[in-house]
Protein backbone atom coordinates (compact mmCIF):
# COMPACT_ATOMS: atom_id res chain seq x y z
CA MET A 1 0.00 0.00 0.00
CA PRO A 2 1.32 3.45 -0.75
CA TYR A 3 2.71 5.19 2.29
CA SER A 4 3.63 8.54 0.72
CA SER A 5 0.42 10.33 1.76
CA ASN A 6 0.84 9.03 5.31
CA ALA A 7 4.47 10.18 5.34
CA ASP A 8 3.41 13.64 4.14
CA TRP A 9 0.72 13.81 6.84
CA VAL A 10 3.14 12.77 9.61
CA ASP A 11 5.70 15.31 8.39
CA ALA A 12 3.08 18.09 8.38
CA LEU A 13 1.88 17.06 11.86
CA ALA A 14 5.43 17.05 13.20
CA GLN A 15 6.08 20.51 11.80
CA GLN A 16 2.77 21.84 13.13
CA GLN A 17 3.51 20.50 16.61
CA GLY A 18 7.10 21.78 16.64
CA TYR A 19 8.86 18.44 16.26
CA ALA A 20 12.25 18.45 14.54
CA GLN A 21 13.39 15.51 12.45
CA LEU A 22 15.82 13.62 14.69
CA GLN A 23 16.63 10.79 12.27
CA PRO A 24 16.17 11.00 8.50
CA TRP A 25 14.17 8.46 6.51
CA ARG A 26 16.24 5.27 6.47
CA PRO A 27 15.88 1.49 6.56
CA TRP A 28 15.32 -0.41 9.78
CA ARG A 29 16.75 -3.90 9.59
CA LEU A 30 15.91 -7.43 10.58
CA ARG A 31 19.34 -8.99 10.78
CA THR A 32 20.99 -7.54 7.64
CA VAL A 33 17.88 -7.17 5.46
CA PRO A 34 15.87 -3.92 5.32
CA ALA A 35 12.53 -4.74 6.97
CA GLY A 36 11.03 -1.33 6.20
CA TYR A 37 11.80 2.34 6.65
CA VAL A 38 11.64 4.69 9.60
CA THR A 39 12.02 8.35 10.48
CA ILE A 40 12.01 9.85 13.96
CA TYR A 41 10.95 13.32 15.11
CA ALA A 42 11.55 14.83 18.54
CA ALA A 43 10.32 17.75 20.64
CA ALA A 44 11.49 18.19 24.23
CA ALA A 45 11.15 14.78 25.92
CA HIS A 46 8.74 13.36 23.33
CA THR A 47 9.40 11.46 20.14
CA LEU A 48 7.25 10.57 17.13
CA THR A 49 8.26 7.60 14.99
CA PHE A 50 6.88 6.82 11.54
CA LEU A 51 7.71 3.28 10.46
CA THR A 52 6.80 1.12 7.48
CA VAL A 53 7.06 -2.64 6.95
CA LYS A 54 8.20 -3.73 3.50
CA GLU A 55 6.09 -6.08 1.39
CA SER A 56 3.10 -5.84 3.68
CA GLY A 57 -0.42 -4.50 3.74
CA HIS A 58 -2.86 -3.52 6.47
CA MET A 59 -2.48 -6.94 8.09
CA VAL A 60 1.25 -6.82 8.77
CA PRO A 61 1.31 -9.94 11.00
CA GLN A 62 -0.45 -11.95 8.28
CA TYR A 63 1.84 -10.89 5.42
CA GLN A 64 5.12 -10.34 7.26
CA PRO A 65 4.95 -12.16 10.61
CA GLU A 66 8.70 -12.10 11.32
CA ARG A 67 8.97 -8.38 10.60
CA ALA A 68 5.83 -7.70 12.64
CA PHE A 69 7.27 -9.59 15.60
CA ALA A 70 10.60 -7.77 15.30
CA PHE A 71 8.83 -4.38 15.22
CA PHE A 72 6.52 -5.17 18.13
CA SER A 73 9.30 -6.68 20.26
CA ARG A 74 11.56 -3.67 19.75
CA TRP A 75 8.70 -1.29 20.47
CA LEU A 76 7.77 -3.09 23.71
CA GLU A 77 11.39 -3.14 24.86
CA GLY A 78 11.94 0.50 23.92
CA GLU A 79 14.74 -0.44 21.52
CA SER A 80 15.79 1.75 18.65
CA PHE A 81 14.85 1.05 15.03
CA ILE A 82 17.97 2.89 13.93
CA ALA A 83 21.24 1.00 13.97
CA PRO A 84 24.00 2.80 15.86
């Protein structure tokens, strides 16, 4: 599914709310393979993350279960989607 309109909306929201782009649009990886793309915005102590999952649709766990699990696990643990 196209994500470009969603990316534009998130970017506009971040600008409207005073969030600066902390990390540019880049791949997040599952092992060495790009699992999708992510960008991170920040304002004060808050962050806003926009993340996609490659080769998926609305039902990410159905189409990409390993990538869905990796995303959800990292999110629950508070781990970064950006490699150091």
